Amino acid sequence: NAKNTVFLQMNVLEPEDTAVYYCNA
C-alpha cells in the first residue's frame, strides 16, 4: 500500500496461462 503496487506471483506456468494480463484498480 505504501508504494501503490500490486503483485502477481505465477508458479508452475502452463501453456493455458498464455494471455494478456491486465491490472485493475
PDBML (XML) file of the C-alpha atoms, coordinates in Angstrom:
<?xml version="1.0" encoding="UTF-8" ?>
<PDBx:datablock datablockName="MODEL"
   xmlns:PDBx="http://pdbml.pdb.org/schema/pdbx-v50.xsd"
   xmlns:xsi="http://www.w3.org/2001/XMLSchema-instance"
   xsi:schemaLocation="http://pdbml.pdb.org/schema/pdbx-v50.xsd pdbx-v50.xsd">
   <PDBx:atom_siteCategory>
      <PDBx:atom_site id="1">
         <PDBx:B_iso_or_equiv>0.00</PDBx:B_iso_or_equiv>
         <PDBx:Cartn_x>0.000</PDBx:Cartn_x>
         <PDBx:Cartn_y>0.000</PDBx:Cartn_y>
         <PDBx:Cartn_z>0.000</PDBx:Cartn_z>
         <PDBx:auth_asym_id>A</PDBx:auth_asym_id>
         <PDBx:auth_atom_id>CA</PDBx:auth_atom_id>
         <PDBx:auth_comp_id>ASN</PDBx:auth_comp_id>
         <PDBx:auth_seq_id>1</PDBx:auth_seq_id>
         <PDBx:group_PDB>ATOM</PDBx:group_PDB>
         <PDBx:label_alt_id xsi:nil="true" />
         <PDBx:label_asym_id>A</PDBx:label_asym_id>
         <PDBx:label_atom_id>CA</PDBx:label_atom_id>
         <PDBx:label_comp_id>ASN</PDBx:label_comp_id>
         <PDBx:label_entity_id>1</PDBx:label_entity_id>
         <PDBx:label_seq_id>1</PDBx:label_seq_id>
         <PDBx:occupancy>1.00</PDBx:occupancy>
         <PDBx:pdbx_PDB_model_num>1</PDBx:pdbx_PDB_model_num>
         <PDBx:type_symbol>C</PDBx:type_symbol>
      </PDBx:atom_site>
      <PDBx:atom_site id="2">
         <PDBx:B_iso_or_equiv>0.00</PDBx:B_iso_or_equiv>
         <PDBx:Cartn_x>2.857</PDBx:Cartn_x>
         <PDBx:Cartn_y>2.420</PDBx:Cartn_y>
         <PDBx:Cartn_z>0.729</PDBx:Cartn_z>
         <PDBx:auth_asym_id>A</PDBx:auth_asym_id>
         <PDBx:auth_atom_id>CA</PDBx:auth_atom_id>
         <PDBx:auth_comp_id>ALA</PDBx:auth_comp_id>
         <PDBx:auth_seq_id>2</PDBx:auth_seq_id>
         <PDBx:group_PDB>ATOM</PDBx:group_PDB>
         <PDBx:label_alt_id xsi:nil="true" />
         <PDBx:label_asym_id>A</PDBx:label_asym_id>
         <PDBx:label_atom_id>CA</PDBx:label_atom_id>
         <PDBx:label_comp_id>ALA</PDBx:label_comp_id>
         <PDBx:label_entity_id>1</PDBx:label_entity_id>
         <PDBx:label_seq_id>2</PDBx:label_seq_id>
         <PDBx:occupancy>1.00</PDBx:occupancy>
         <PDBx:pdbx_PDB_model_num>1</PDBx:pdbx_PDB_model_num>
         <PDBx:type_symbol>C</PDBx:type_symbol>
      </PDBx:atom_site>
      <PDBx:atom_site id="3">
         <PDBx:B_iso_or_equiv>0.00</PDBx:B_iso_or_equiv>
         <PDBx:Cartn_x>4.121</PDBx:Cartn_x>
         <PDBx:Cartn_y>2.013</PDBx:Cartn_y>
         <PDBx:Cartn_z>-2.850</PDBx:Cartn_z>
         <PDBx:auth_asym_id>A</PDBx:auth_asym_id>
         <PDBx:auth_atom_id>CA</PDBx:auth_atom_id>
         <PDBx:auth_comp_id>LYS</PDBx:auth_comp_id>
         <PDBx:auth_seq_id>3</PDBx:auth_seq_id>
         <PDBx:group_PDB>ATOM</PDBx:group_PDB>
         <PDBx:label_alt_id xsi:nil="true" />
         <PDBx:label_asym_id>A</PDBx:label_asym_id>
         <PDBx:label_atom_id>CA</PDBx:label_atom_id>
         <PDBx:label_comp_id>LYS</PDBx:label_comp_id>
         <PDBx:label_entity_id>1</PDBx:label_entity_id>
         <PDBx:label_seq_id>3</PDBx:label_seq_id>
         <PDBx:occupancy>1.00</PDBx:occupancy>
         <PDBx:pdbx_PDB_model_num>1</PDBx:pdbx_PDB_model_num>
         <PDBx:type_symbol>C</PDBx:type_symbol>
      </PDBx:atom_site>
      <PDBx:atom_site id="4">
         <PDBx:B_iso_or_equiv>0.00</PDBx:B_iso_or_equiv>
         <PDBx:Cartn_x>0.674</PDBx:Cartn_x>
         <PDBx:Cartn_y>1.744</PDBx:Cartn_y>
         <PDBx:Cartn_z>-4.502</PDBx:Cartn_z>
         <PDBx:auth_asym_id>A</PDBx:auth_asym_id>
         <PDBx:auth_atom_id>CA</PDBx:auth_atom_id>
         <PDBx:auth_comp_id>ASN</PDBx:auth_comp_id>
         <PDBx:auth_seq_id>4</PDBx:auth_seq_id>
         <PDBx:group_PDB>ATOM</PDBx:group_PDB>
         <PDBx:label_alt_id xsi:nil="true" />
         <PDBx:label_asym_id>A</PDBx:label_asym_id>
         <PDBx:label_atom_id>CA</PDBx:label_atom_id>
         <PDBx:label_comp_id>ASN</PDBx:label_comp_id>
         <PDBx:label_entity_id>1</PDBx:label_entity_id>
         <PDBx:label_seq_id>4</PDBx:label_seq_id>
         <PDBx:occupancy>1.00</PDBx:occupancy>
         <PDBx:pdbx_PDB_model_num>1</PDBx:pdbx_PDB_model_num>
         <PDBx:type_symbol>C</PDBx:type_symbol>
      </PDBx:atom_site>
      <PDBx:atom_site id="5">
         <PDBx:B_iso_or_equiv>0.00</PDBx:B_iso_or_equiv>
         <PDBx:Cartn_x>1.738</PDBx:Cartn_x>
         <PDBx:Cartn_y>-1.541</PDBx:Cartn_y>
         <PDBx:Cartn_z>-6.057</PDBx:Cartn_z>
         <PDBx:auth_asym_id>A</PDBx:auth_asym_id>
         <PDBx:auth_atom_id>CA</PDBx:auth_atom_id>
         <PDBx:auth_comp_id>THR</PDBx:auth_comp_id>
         <PDBx:auth_seq_id>5</PDBx:auth_seq_id>
         <PDBx:group_PDB>ATOM</PDBx:group_PDB>
         <PDBx:label_alt_id xsi:nil="true" />
         <PDBx:label_asym_id>A</PDBx:label_asym_id>
         <PDBx:label_atom_id>CA</PDBx:label_atom_id>
         <PDBx:label_comp_id>THR</PDBx:label_comp_id>
         <PDBx:label_entity_id>1</PDBx:label_entity_id>
         <PDBx:label_seq_id>5</PDBx:label_seq_id>
         <PDBx:occupancy>1.00</PDBx:occupancy>
         <PDBx:pdbx_PDB_model_num>1</PDBx:pdbx_PDB_model_num>
         <PDBx:type_symbol>C</PDBx:type_symbol>
      </PDBx:atom_site>
      <PDBx:atom_site id="6">
         <PDBx:B_iso_or_equiv>0.00</PDBx:B_iso_or_equiv>
         <PDBx:Cartn_x>0.088</PDBx:Cartn_x>
         <PDBx:Cartn_y>-4.931</PDBx:Cartn_y>
         <PDBx:Cartn_z>-6.560</PDBx:Cartn_z>
         <PDBx:auth_asym_id>A</PDBx:auth_asym_id>
         <PDBx:auth_atom_id>CA</PDBx:auth_atom_id>
         <PDBx:auth_comp_id>VAL</PDBx:auth_comp_id>
         <PDBx:auth_seq_id>6</PDBx:auth_seq_id>
         <PDBx:group_PDB>ATOM</PDBx:group_PDB>
         <PDBx:label_alt_id xsi:nil="true" />
         <PDBx:label_asym_id>A</PDBx:label_asym_id>
         <PDBx:label_atom_id>CA</PDBx:label_atom_id>
         <PDBx:label_comp_id>VAL</PDBx:label_comp_id>
         <PDBx:label_entity_id>1</PDBx:label_entity_id>
         <PDBx:label_seq_id>6</PDBx:label_seq_id>
         <PDBx:occupancy>1.00</PDBx:occupancy>
         <PDBx:pdbx_PDB_model_num>1</PDBx:pdbx_PDB_model_num>
         <PDBx:type_symbol>C</PDBx:type_symbol>
      </PDBx:atom_site>
      <PDBx:atom_site id="7">
         <PDBx:B_iso_or_equiv>0.00</PDBx:B_iso_or_equiv>
         <PDBx:Cartn_x>1.952</PDBx:Cartn_x>
         <PDBx:Cartn_y>-8.131</PDBx:Cartn_y>
         <PDBx:Cartn_z>-7.468</PDBx:Cartn_z>
         <PDBx:auth_asym_id>A</PDBx:auth_asym_id>
         <PDBx:auth_atom_id>CA</PDBx:auth_atom_id>
         <PDBx:auth_comp_id>PHE</PDBx:auth_comp_id>
         <PDBx:auth_seq_id>7</PDBx:auth_seq_id>
         <PDBx:group_PDB>ATOM</PDBx:group_PDB>
         <PDBx:label_alt_id xsi:nil="true" />
         <PDBx:label_asym_id>A</PDBx:label_asym_id>
         <PDBx:label_atom_id>CA</PDBx:label_atom_id>
         <PDBx:label_comp_id>PHE</PDBx:label_comp_id>
         <PDBx:label_entity_id>1</PDBx:label_entity_id>
         <PDBx:label_seq_id>7</PDBx:label_seq_id>
         <PDBx:occupancy>1.00</PDBx:occupancy>
         <PDBx:pdbx_PDB_model_num>1</PDBx:pdbx_PDB_model_num>
         <PDBx:type_symbol>C</PDBx:type_symbol>
      </PDBx:atom_site>
      <PDBx:atom_site id="8">
         <PDBx:B_iso_or_equiv>0.00</PDBx:B_iso_or_equiv>
         <PDBx:Cartn_x>1.009</PDBx:Cartn_x>
         <PDBx:Cartn_y>-11.455</PDBx:Cartn_y>
         <PDBx:Cartn_z>-9.023</PDBx:Cartn_z>
         <PDBx:auth_asym_id>A</PDBx:auth_asym_id>
         <PDBx:auth_atom_id>CA</PDBx:auth_atom_id>
         <PDBx:auth_comp_id>LEU</PDBx:auth_comp_id>
         <PDBx:auth_seq_id>8</PDBx:auth_seq_id>
         <PDBx:group_PDB>ATOM</PDBx:group_PDB>
         <PDBx:label_alt_id xsi:nil="true" />
         <PDBx:label_asym_id>A</PDBx:label_asym_id>
         <PDBx:label_atom_id>CA</PDBx:label_atom_id>
         <PDBx:label_comp_id>LEU</PDBx:label_comp_id>
         <PDBx:label_entity_id>1</PDBx:label_entity_id>
         <PDBx:label_seq_id>8</PDBx:label_seq_id>
         <PDBx:occupancy>1.00</PDBx:occupancy>
         <PDBx:pdbx_PDB_model_num>1</PDBx:pdbx_PDB_model_num>
         <PDBx:type_symbol>C</PDBx:type_symbol>
      </PDBx:atom_site>
      <PDBx:atom_site id="9">
         <PDBx:B_iso_or_equiv>0.00</PDBx:B_iso_or_equiv>
         <PDBx:Cartn_x>3.390</PDBx:Cartn_x>
         <PDBx:Cartn_y>-14.369</PDBx:Cartn_y>
         <PDBx:Cartn_z>-8.441</PDBx:Cartn_z>
         <PDBx:auth_asym_id>A</PDBx:auth_asym_id>
         <PDBx:auth_atom_id>CA</PDBx:auth_atom_id>
         <PDBx:auth_comp_id>GLN</PDBx:auth_comp_id>
         <PDBx:auth_seq_id>9</PDBx:auth_seq_id>
         <PDBx:group_PDB>ATOM</PDBx:group_PDB>
         <PDBx:label_alt_id xsi:nil="true" />
         <PDBx:label_asym_id>A</PDBx:label_asym_id>
         <PDBx:label_atom_id>CA</PDBx:label_atom_id>
         <PDBx:label_comp_id>GLN</PDBx:label_comp_id>
         <PDBx:label_entity_id>1</PDBx:label_entity_id>
         <PDBx:label_seq_id>9</PDBx:label_seq_id>
         <PDBx:occupancy>1.00</PDBx:occupancy>
         <PDBx:pdbx_PDB_model_num>1</PDBx:pdbx_PDB_model_num>
         <PDBx:type_symbol>C</PDBx:type_symbol>
      </PDBx:atom_site>
      <PDBx:atom_site id="10">
         <PDBx:B_iso_or_equiv>0.00</PDBx:B_iso_or_equiv>
         <PDBx:Cartn_x>2.720</PDBx:Cartn_x>
         <PDBx:Cartn_y>-17.099</PDBx:Cartn_y>
         <PDBx:Cartn_z>-11.003</PDBx:Cartn_z>
         <PDBx:auth_asym_id>A</PDBx:auth_asym_id>
         <PDBx:auth_atom_id>CA</PDBx:auth_atom_id>
         <PDBx:auth_comp_id>MET</PDBx:auth_comp_id>
         <PDBx:auth_seq_id>10</PDBx:auth_seq_id>
         <PDBx:group_PDB>ATOM</PDBx:group_PDB>
         <PDBx:label_alt_id xsi:nil="true" />
         <PDBx:label_asym_id>A</PDBx:label_asym_id>
         <PDBx:label_atom_id>CA</PDBx:label_atom_id>
         <PDBx:label_comp_id>MET</PDBx:label_comp_id>
         <PDBx:label_entity_id>1</PDBx:label_entity_id>
         <PDBx:label_seq_id>10</PDBx:label_seq_id>
         <PDBx:occupancy>1.00</PDBx:occupancy>
         <PDBx:pdbx_PDB_model_num>1</PDBx:pdbx_PDB_model_num>
         <PDBx:type_symbol>C</PDBx:type_symbol>
      </PDBx:atom_site>
      <PDBx:atom_site id="11">
         <PDBx:B_iso_or_equiv>0.00</PDBx:B_iso_or_equiv>
         <PDBx:Cartn_x>4.296</PDBx:Cartn_x>
         <PDBx:Cartn_y>-20.535</PDBx:Cartn_y>
         <PDBx:Cartn_z>-10.462</PDBx:Cartn_z>
         <PDBx:auth_asym_id>A</PDBx:auth_asym_id>
         <PDBx:auth_atom_id>CA</PDBx:auth_atom_id>
         <PDBx:auth_comp_id>ASN</PDBx:auth_comp_id>
         <PDBx:auth_seq_id>11</PDBx:auth_seq_id>
         <PDBx:group_PDB>ATOM</PDBx:group_PDB>
         <PDBx:label_alt_id xsi:nil="true" />
         <PDBx:label_asym_id>A</PDBx:label_asym_id>
         <PDBx:label_atom_id>CA</PDBx:label_atom_id>
         <PDBx:label_comp_id>ASN</PDBx:label_comp_id>
         <PDBx:label_entity_id>1</PDBx:label_entity_id>
         <PDBx:label_seq_id>11</PDBx:label_seq_id>
         <PDBx:occupancy>1.00</PDBx:occupancy>
         <PDBx:pdbx_PDB_model_num>1</PDBx:pdbx_PDB_model_num>
         <PDBx:type_symbol>C</PDBx:type_symbol>
      </PDBx:atom_site>
      <PDBx:atom_site id="12">
         <PDBx:B_iso_or_equiv>0.00</PDBx:B_iso_or_equiv>
         <PDBx:Cartn_x>4.216</PDBx:Cartn_x>
         <PDBx:Cartn_y>-23.780</PDBx:Cartn_y>
         <PDBx:Cartn_z>-12.458</PDBx:Cartn_z>
         <PDBx:auth_asym_id>A</PDBx:auth_asym_id>
         <PDBx:auth_atom_id>CA</PDBx:auth_atom_id>
         <PDBx:auth_comp_id>VAL</PDBx:auth_comp_id>
         <PDBx:auth_seq_id>12</PDBx:auth_seq_id>
         <PDBx:group_PDB>ATOM</PDBx:group_PDB>
         <PDBx:label_alt_id xsi:nil="true" />
         <PDBx:label_asym_id>A</PDBx:label_asym_id>
         <PDBx:label_atom_id>CA</PDBx:label_atom_id>
         <PDBx:label_comp_id>VAL</PDBx:label_comp_id>
         <PDBx:label_entity_id>1</PDBx:label_entity_id>
         <PDBx:label_seq_id>12</PDBx:label_seq_id>
         <PDBx:occupancy>1.00</PDBx:occupancy>
         <PDBx:pdbx_PDB_model_num>1</PDBx:pdbx_PDB_model_num>
         <PDBx:type_symbol>C</PDBx:type_symbol>
      </PDBx:atom_site>
      <PDBx:atom_site id="13">
         <PDBx:B_iso_or_equiv>0.00</PDBx:B_iso_or_equiv>
         <PDBx:Cartn_x>3.011</PDBx:Cartn_x>
         <PDBx:Cartn_y>-21.947</PDBx:Cartn_y>
         <PDBx:Cartn_z>-15.546</PDBx:Cartn_z>
         <PDBx:auth_asym_id>A</PDBx:auth_asym_id>
         <PDBx:auth_atom_id>CA</PDBx:auth_atom_id>
         <PDBx:auth_comp_id>LEU</PDBx:auth_comp_id>
         <PDBx:auth_seq_id>13</PDBx:auth_seq_id>
         <PDBx:group_PDB>ATOM</PDBx:group_PDB>
         <PDBx:label_alt_id xsi:nil="true" />
         <PDBx:label_asym_id>A</PDBx:label_asym_id>
         <PDBx:label_atom_id>CA</PDBx:label_atom_id>
         <PDBx:label_comp_id>LEU</PDBx:label_comp_id>
         <PDBx:label_entity_id>1</PDBx:label_entity_id>
         <PDBx:label_seq_id>13</PDBx:label_seq_id>
         <PDBx:occupancy>1.00</PDBx:occupancy>
         <PDBx:pdbx_PDB_model_num>1</PDBx:pdbx_PDB_model_num>
         <PDBx:type_symbol>C</PDBx:type_symbol>
      </PDBx:atom_site>
      <PDBx:atom_site id="14">
         <PDBx:B_iso_or_equiv>0.00</PDBx:B_iso_or_equiv>
         <PDBx:Cartn_x>1.184</PDBx:Cartn_x>
         <PDBx:Cartn_y>-23.906</PDBx:Cartn_y>
         <PDBx:Cartn_z>-18.240</PDBx:Cartn_z>
         <PDBx:auth_asym_id>A</PDBx:auth_asym_id>
         <PDBx:auth_atom_id>CA</PDBx:auth_atom_id>
         <PDBx:auth_comp_id>GLU</PDBx:auth_comp_id>
         <PDBx:auth_seq_id>14</PDBx:auth_seq_id>
         <PDBx:group_PDB>ATOM</PDBx:group_PDB>
         <PDBx:label_alt_id xsi:nil="true" />
         <PDBx:label_asym_id>A</PDBx:label_asym_id>
         <PDBx:label_atom_id>CA</PDBx:label_atom_id>
         <PDBx:label_comp_id>GLU</PDBx:label_comp_id>
         <PDBx:label_entity_id>1</PDBx:label_entity_id>
         <PDBx:label_seq_id>14</PDBx:label_seq_id>
         <PDBx:occupancy>1.00</PDBx:occupancy>
         <PDBx:pdbx_PDB_model_num>1</PDBx:pdbx_PDB_model_num>
         <PDBx:type_symbol>C</PDBx:type_symbol>
      </PDBx:atom_site>
      <PDBx:atom_site id="15">
         <PDBx:B_iso_or_equiv>0.00</PDBx:B_iso_or_equiv>
         <PDBx:Cartn_x>0.532</PDBx:Cartn_x>
         <PDBx:Cartn_y>-23.158</PDBx:Cartn_y>
         <PDBx:Cartn_z>-21.930</PDBx:Cartn_z>
         <PDBx:auth_asym_id>A</PDBx:auth_asym_id>
         <PDBx:auth_atom_id>CA</PDBx:auth_atom_id>
         <PDBx:auth_comp_id>PRO</PDBx:auth_comp_id>
         <PDBx:auth_seq_id>15</PDBx:auth_seq_id>
         <PDBx:group_PDB>ATOM</PDBx:group_PDB>
         <PDBx:label_alt_id xsi:nil="true" />
         <PDBx:label_asym_id>A</PDBx:label_asym_id>
         <PDBx:label_atom_id>CA</PDBx:label_atom_id>
         <PDBx:label_comp_id>PRO</PDBx:label_comp_id>
         <PDBx:label_entity_id>1</PDBx:label_entity_id>
         <PDBx:label_seq_id>15</PDBx:label_seq_id>
         <PDBx:occupancy>1.00</PDBx:occupancy>
         <PDBx:pdbx_PDB_model_num>1</PDBx:pdbx_PDB_model_num>
         <PDBx:type_symbol>C</PDBx:type_symbol>
      </PDBx:atom_site>
      <PDBx:atom_site id="16">
         <PDBx:B_iso_or_equiv>0.00</PDBx:B_iso_or_equiv>
         <PDBx:Cartn_x>-3.106</PDBx:Cartn_x>
         <PDBx:Cartn_y>-22.492</PDBx:Cartn_y>
         <PDBx:Cartn_z>-20.970</PDBx:Cartn_z>
         <PDBx:auth_asym_id>A</PDBx:auth_asym_id>
         <PDBx:auth_atom_id>CA</PDBx:auth_atom_id>
         <PDBx:auth_comp_id>GLU</PDBx:auth_comp_id>
         <PDBx:auth_seq_id>16</PDBx:auth_seq_id>
         <PDBx:group_PDB>ATOM</PDBx:group_PDB>
         <PDBx:label_alt_id xsi:nil="true" />
         <PDBx:label_asym_id>A</PDBx:label_asym_id>
         <PDBx:label_atom_id>CA</PDBx:label_atom_id>
         <PDBx:label_comp_id>GLU</PDBx:label_comp_id>
         <PDBx:label_entity_id>1</PDBx:label_entity_id>
         <PDBx:label_seq_id>16</PDBx:label_seq_id>
         <PDBx:occupancy>1.00</PDBx:occupancy>
         <PDBx:pdbx_PDB_model_num>1</PDBx:pdbx_PDB_model_num>
         <PDBx:type_symbol>C</PDBx:type_symbol>
      </PDBx:atom_site>
      <PDBx:atom_site id="17">
         <PDBx:B_iso_or_equiv>0.00</PDBx:B_iso_or_equiv>
         <PDBx:Cartn_x>-1.895</PDBx:Cartn_x>
         <PDBx:Cartn_y>-19.481</PDBx:Cartn_y>
         <PDBx:Cartn_z>-18.930</PDBx:Cartn_z>
         <PDBx:auth_asym_id>A</PDBx:auth_asym_id>
         <PDBx:auth_atom_id>CA</PDBx:auth_atom_id>
         <PDBx:auth_comp_id>ASP</PDBx:auth_comp_id>
         <PDBx:auth_seq_id>17</PDBx:auth_seq_id>
         <PDBx:group_PDB>ATOM</PDBx:group_PDB>
         <PDBx:label_alt_id xsi:nil="true" />
         <PDBx:label_asym_id>A</PDBx:label_asym_id>
         <PDBx:label_atom_id>CA</PDBx:label_atom_id>
         <PDBx:label_comp_id>ASP</PDBx:label_comp_id>
         <PDBx:label_entity_id>1</PDBx:label_entity_id>
         <PDBx:label_seq_id>17</PDBx:label_seq_id>
         <PDBx:occupancy>1.00</PDBx:occupancy>
         <PDBx:pdbx_PDB_model_num>1</PDBx:pdbx_PDB_model_num>
         <PDBx:type_symbol>C</PDBx:type_symbol>
      </PDBx:atom_site>
      <PDBx:atom_site id="18">
         <PDBx:B_iso_or_equiv>0.00</PDBx:B_iso_or_equiv>
         <PDBx:Cartn_x>-0.843</PDBx:Cartn_x>
         <PDBx:Cartn_y>-17.690</PDBx:Cartn_y>
         <PDBx:Cartn_z>-22.126</PDBx:Cartn_z>
         <PDBx:auth_asym_id>A</PDBx:auth_asym_id>
         <PDBx:auth_atom_id>CA</PDBx:auth_atom_id>
         <PDBx:auth_comp_id>THR</PDBx:auth_comp_id>
         <PDBx:auth_seq_id>18</PDBx:auth_seq_id>
         <PDBx:group_PDB>ATOM</PDBx:group_PDB>
         <PDBx:label_alt_id xsi:nil="true" />
         <PDBx:label_asym_id>A</PDBx:label_asym_id>
         <PDBx:label_atom_id>CA</PDBx:label_atom_id>
         <PDBx:label_comp_id>THR</PDBx:label_comp_id>
         <PDBx:label_entity_id>1</PDBx:label_entity_id>
         <PDBx:label_seq_id>18</PDBx:label_seq_id>
         <PDBx:occupancy>1.00</PDBx:occupancy>
         <PDBx:pdbx_PDB_model_num>1</PDBx:pdbx_PDB_model_num>
         <PDBx:type_symbol>C</PDBx:type_symbol>
      </PDBx:atom_site>
      <PDBx:atom_site id="19">
         <PDBx:B_iso_or_equiv>0.00</PDBx:B_iso_or_equiv>
         <PDBx:Cartn_x>-2.755</PDBx:Cartn_x>
         <PDBx:Cartn_y>-14.391</PDBx:Cartn_y>
         <PDBx:Cartn_z>-22.223</PDBx:Cartn_z>
         <PDBx:auth_asym_id>A</PDBx:auth_asym_id>
         <PDBx:auth_atom_id>CA</PDBx:auth_atom_id>
         <PDBx:auth_comp_id>ALA</PDBx:auth_comp_id>
         <PDBx:auth_seq_id>19</PDBx:auth_seq_id>
         <PDBx:group_PDB>ATOM</PDBx:group_PDB>
         <PDBx:label_alt_id xsi:nil="true" />
         <PDBx:label_asym_id>A</PDBx:label_asym_id>
         <PDBx:label_atom_id>CA</PDBx:label_atom_id>
         <PDBx:label_comp_id>ALA</PDBx:label_comp_id>
         <PDBx:label_entity_id>1</PDBx:label_entity_id>
         <PDBx:label_seq_id>19</PDBx:label_seq_id>
         <PDBx:occupancy>1.00</PDBx:occupancy>
         <PDBx:pdbx_PDB_model_num>1</PDBx:pdbx_PDB_model_num>
         <PDBx:type_symbol>C</PDBx:type_symbol>
      </PDBx:atom_site>
      <PDBx:atom_site id="20">
         <PDBx:B_iso_or_equiv>0.00</PDBx:B_iso_or_equiv>
         <PDBx:Cartn_x>-2.537</PDBx:Cartn_x>
         <PDBx:Cartn_y>-10.631</PDBx:Cartn_y>
         <PDBx:Cartn_z>-21.857</PDBx:Cartn_z>
         <PDBx:auth_asym_id>A</PDBx:auth_asym_id>
         <PDBx:auth_atom_id>CA</PDBx:auth_atom_id>
         <PDBx:auth_comp_id>VAL</PDBx:auth_comp_id>
         <PDBx:auth_seq_id>20</PDBx:auth_seq_id>
         <PDBx:group_PDB>ATOM</PDBx:group_PDB>
         <PDBx:label_alt_id xsi:nil="true" />
         <PDBx:label_asym_id>A</PDBx:label_asym_id>
         <PDBx:label_atom_id>CA</PDBx:label_atom_id>
         <PDBx:label_comp_id>VAL</PDBx:label_comp_id>
         <PDBx:label_entity_id>1</PDBx:label_entity_id>
         <PDBx:label_seq_id>20</PDBx:label_seq_id>
         <PDBx:occupancy>1.00</PDBx:occupancy>
         <PDBx:pdbx_PDB_model_num>1</PDBx:pdbx_PDB_model_num>
         <PDBx:type_symbol>C</PDBx:type_symbol>
      </PDBx:atom_site>
      <PDBx:atom_site id="21">
         <PDBx:B_iso_or_equiv>0.00</PDBx:B_iso_or_equiv>
         <PDBx:Cartn_x>-2.718</PDBx:Cartn_x>
         <PDBx:Cartn_y>-9.843</PDBx:Cartn_y>
         <PDBx:Cartn_z>-18.138</PDBx:Cartn_z>
         <PDBx:auth_asym_id>A</PDBx:auth_asym_id>
         <PDBx:auth_atom_id>CA</PDBx:auth_atom_id>
         <PDBx:auth_comp_id>TYR</PDBx:auth_comp_id>
         <PDBx:auth_seq_id>21</PDBx:auth_seq_id>
         <PDBx:group_PDB>ATOM</PDBx:group_PDB>
         <PDBx:label_alt_id xsi:nil="true" />
         <PDBx:label_asym_id>A</PDBx:label_asym_id>
         <PDBx:label_atom_id>CA</PDBx:label_atom_id>
         <PDBx:label_comp_id>TYR</PDBx:label_comp_id>
         <PDBx:label_entity_id>1</PDBx:label_entity_id>
         <PDBx:label_seq_id>21</PDBx:label_seq_id>
         <PDBx:occupancy>1.00</PDBx:occupancy>
         <PDBx:pdbx_PDB_model_num>1</PDBx:pdbx_PDB_model_num>
         <PDBx:type_symbol>C</PDBx:type_symbol>
      </PDBx:atom_site>
      <PDBx:atom_site id="22">
         <PDBx:B_iso_or_equiv>0.00</PDBx:B_iso_or_equiv>
         <PDBx:Cartn_x>-4.441</PDBx:Cartn_x>
         <PDBx:Cartn_y>-6.592</PDBx:Cartn_y>
         <PDBx:Cartn_z>-17.129</PDBx:Cartn_z>
         <PDBx:auth_asym_id>A</PDBx:auth_asym_id>
         <PDBx:auth_atom_id>CA</PDBx:auth_atom_id>
         <PDBx:auth_comp_id>TYR</PDBx:auth_comp_id>
         <PDBx:auth_seq_id>22</PDBx:auth_seq_id>
         <PDBx:group_PDB>ATOM</PDBx:group_PDB>
         <PDBx:label_alt_id xsi:nil="true" />
         <PDBx:label_asym_id>A</PDBx:label_asym_id>
         <PDBx:label_atom_id>CA</PDBx:label_atom_id>
         <PDBx:label_comp_id>TYR</PDBx:label_comp_id>
         <PDBx:label_entity_id>1</PDBx:label_entity_id>
         <PDBx:label_seq_id>22</PDBx:label_seq_id>
         <PDBx:occupancy>1.00</PDBx:occupancy>
         <PDBx:pdbx_PDB_model_num>1</PDBx:pdbx_PDB_model_num>
         <PDBx:type_symbol>C</PDBx:type_symbol>
      </PDBx:atom_site>
      <PDBx:atom_site id="23">
         <PDBx:B_iso_or_equiv>0.00</PDBx:B_iso_or_equiv>
         <PDBx:Cartn_x>-4.217</PDBx:Cartn_x>
         <PDBx:Cartn_y>-4.664</PDBx:Cartn_y>
         <PDBx:Cartn_z>-13.864</PDBx:Cartn_z>
         <PDBx:auth_asym_id>A</PDBx:auth_asym_id>
         <PDBx:auth_atom_id>CA</PDBx:auth_atom_id>
         <PDBx:auth_comp_id>CYS</PDBx:auth_comp_id>
         <PDBx:auth_seq_id>23</PDBx:auth_seq_id>
         <PDBx:group_PDB>ATOM</PDBx:group_PDB>
         <PDBx:label_alt_id xsi:nil="true" />
         <PDBx:label_asym_id>A</PDBx:label_asym_id>
         <PDBx:label_atom_id>CA</PDBx:label_atom_id>
         <PDBx:label_comp_id>CYS</PDBx:label_comp_id>
         <PDBx:label_entity_id>1</PDBx:label_entity_id>
         <PDBx:label_seq_id>23</PDBx:label_seq_id>
         <PDBx:occupancy>1.00</PDBx:occupancy>
         <PDBx:pdbx_PDB_model_num>1</PDBx:pdbx_PDB_model_num>
         <PDBx:type_symbol>C</PDBx:type_symbol>
      </PDBx:atom_site>
      <PDBx:atom_site id="24">
         <PDBx:B_iso_or_equiv>0.00</PDBx:B_iso_or_equiv>
         <PDBx:Cartn_x>-7.387</PDBx:Cartn_x>
         <PDBx:Cartn_y>-3.075</PDBx:Cartn_y>
         <PDBx:Cartn_z>-12.459</PDBx:Cartn_z>
         <PDBx:auth_asym_id>A</PDBx:auth_asym_id>
         <PDBx:auth_atom_id>CA</PDBx:auth_atom_id>
         <PDBx:auth_comp_id>ASN</PDBx:auth_comp_id>
         <PDBx:auth_seq_id>24</PDBx:auth_seq_id>
         <PDBx:group_PDB>ATOM</PDBx:group_PDB>
         <PDBx:label_alt_id xsi:nil="true" />
         <PDBx:label_asym_id>A</PDBx:label_asym_id>
         <PDBx:label_atom_id>CA</PDBx:label_atom_id>
         <PDBx:label_comp_id>ASN</PDBx:label_comp_id>
         <PDBx:label_entity_id>1</PDBx:label_entity_id>
         <PDBx:label_seq_id>24</PDBx:label_seq_id>
         <PDBx:occupancy>1.00</PDBx:occupancy>
         <PDBx:pdbx_PDB_model_num>1</PDBx:pdbx_PDB_model_num>
         <PDBx:type_symbol>C</PDBx:type_symbol>
      </PDBx:atom_site>
      <PDBx:atom_site id="25">
         <PDBx:B_iso_or_equiv>0.00</PDBx:B_iso_or_equiv>
         <PDBx:Cartn_x>-7.894</PDBx:Cartn_x>
         <PDBx:Cartn_y>-0.626</PDBx:Cartn_y>
         <PDBx:Cartn_z>-9.583</PDBx:Cartn_z>
         <PDBx:auth_asym_id>A</PDBx:auth_asym_id>
         <PDBx:auth_atom_id>CA</PDBx:auth_atom_id>
         <PDBx:auth_comp_id>ALA</PDBx:auth_comp_id>
         <PDBx:auth_seq_id>25</PDBx:auth_seq_id>
         <PDBx:group_PDB>ATOM</PDBx:group_PDB>
         <PDBx:label_alt_id xsi:nil="true" />
         <PDBx:label_asym_id>A</PDBx:label_asym_id>
         <PDBx:label_atom_id>CA</PDBx:label_atom_id>
         <PDBx:label_comp_id>ALA</PDBx:label_comp_id>
         <PDBx:label_entity_id>1</PDBx:label_entity_id>
         <PDBx:label_seq_id>25</PDBx:label_seq_id>
         <PDBx:occupancy>1.00</PDBx:occupancy>
         <PDBx:pdbx_PDB_model_num>1</PDBx:pdbx_PDB_model_num>
         <PDBx:type_symbol>C</PDBx:type_symbol>
      </PDBx:atom_site>
   </PDBx:atom_siteCategory>
</PDBx:datablock>
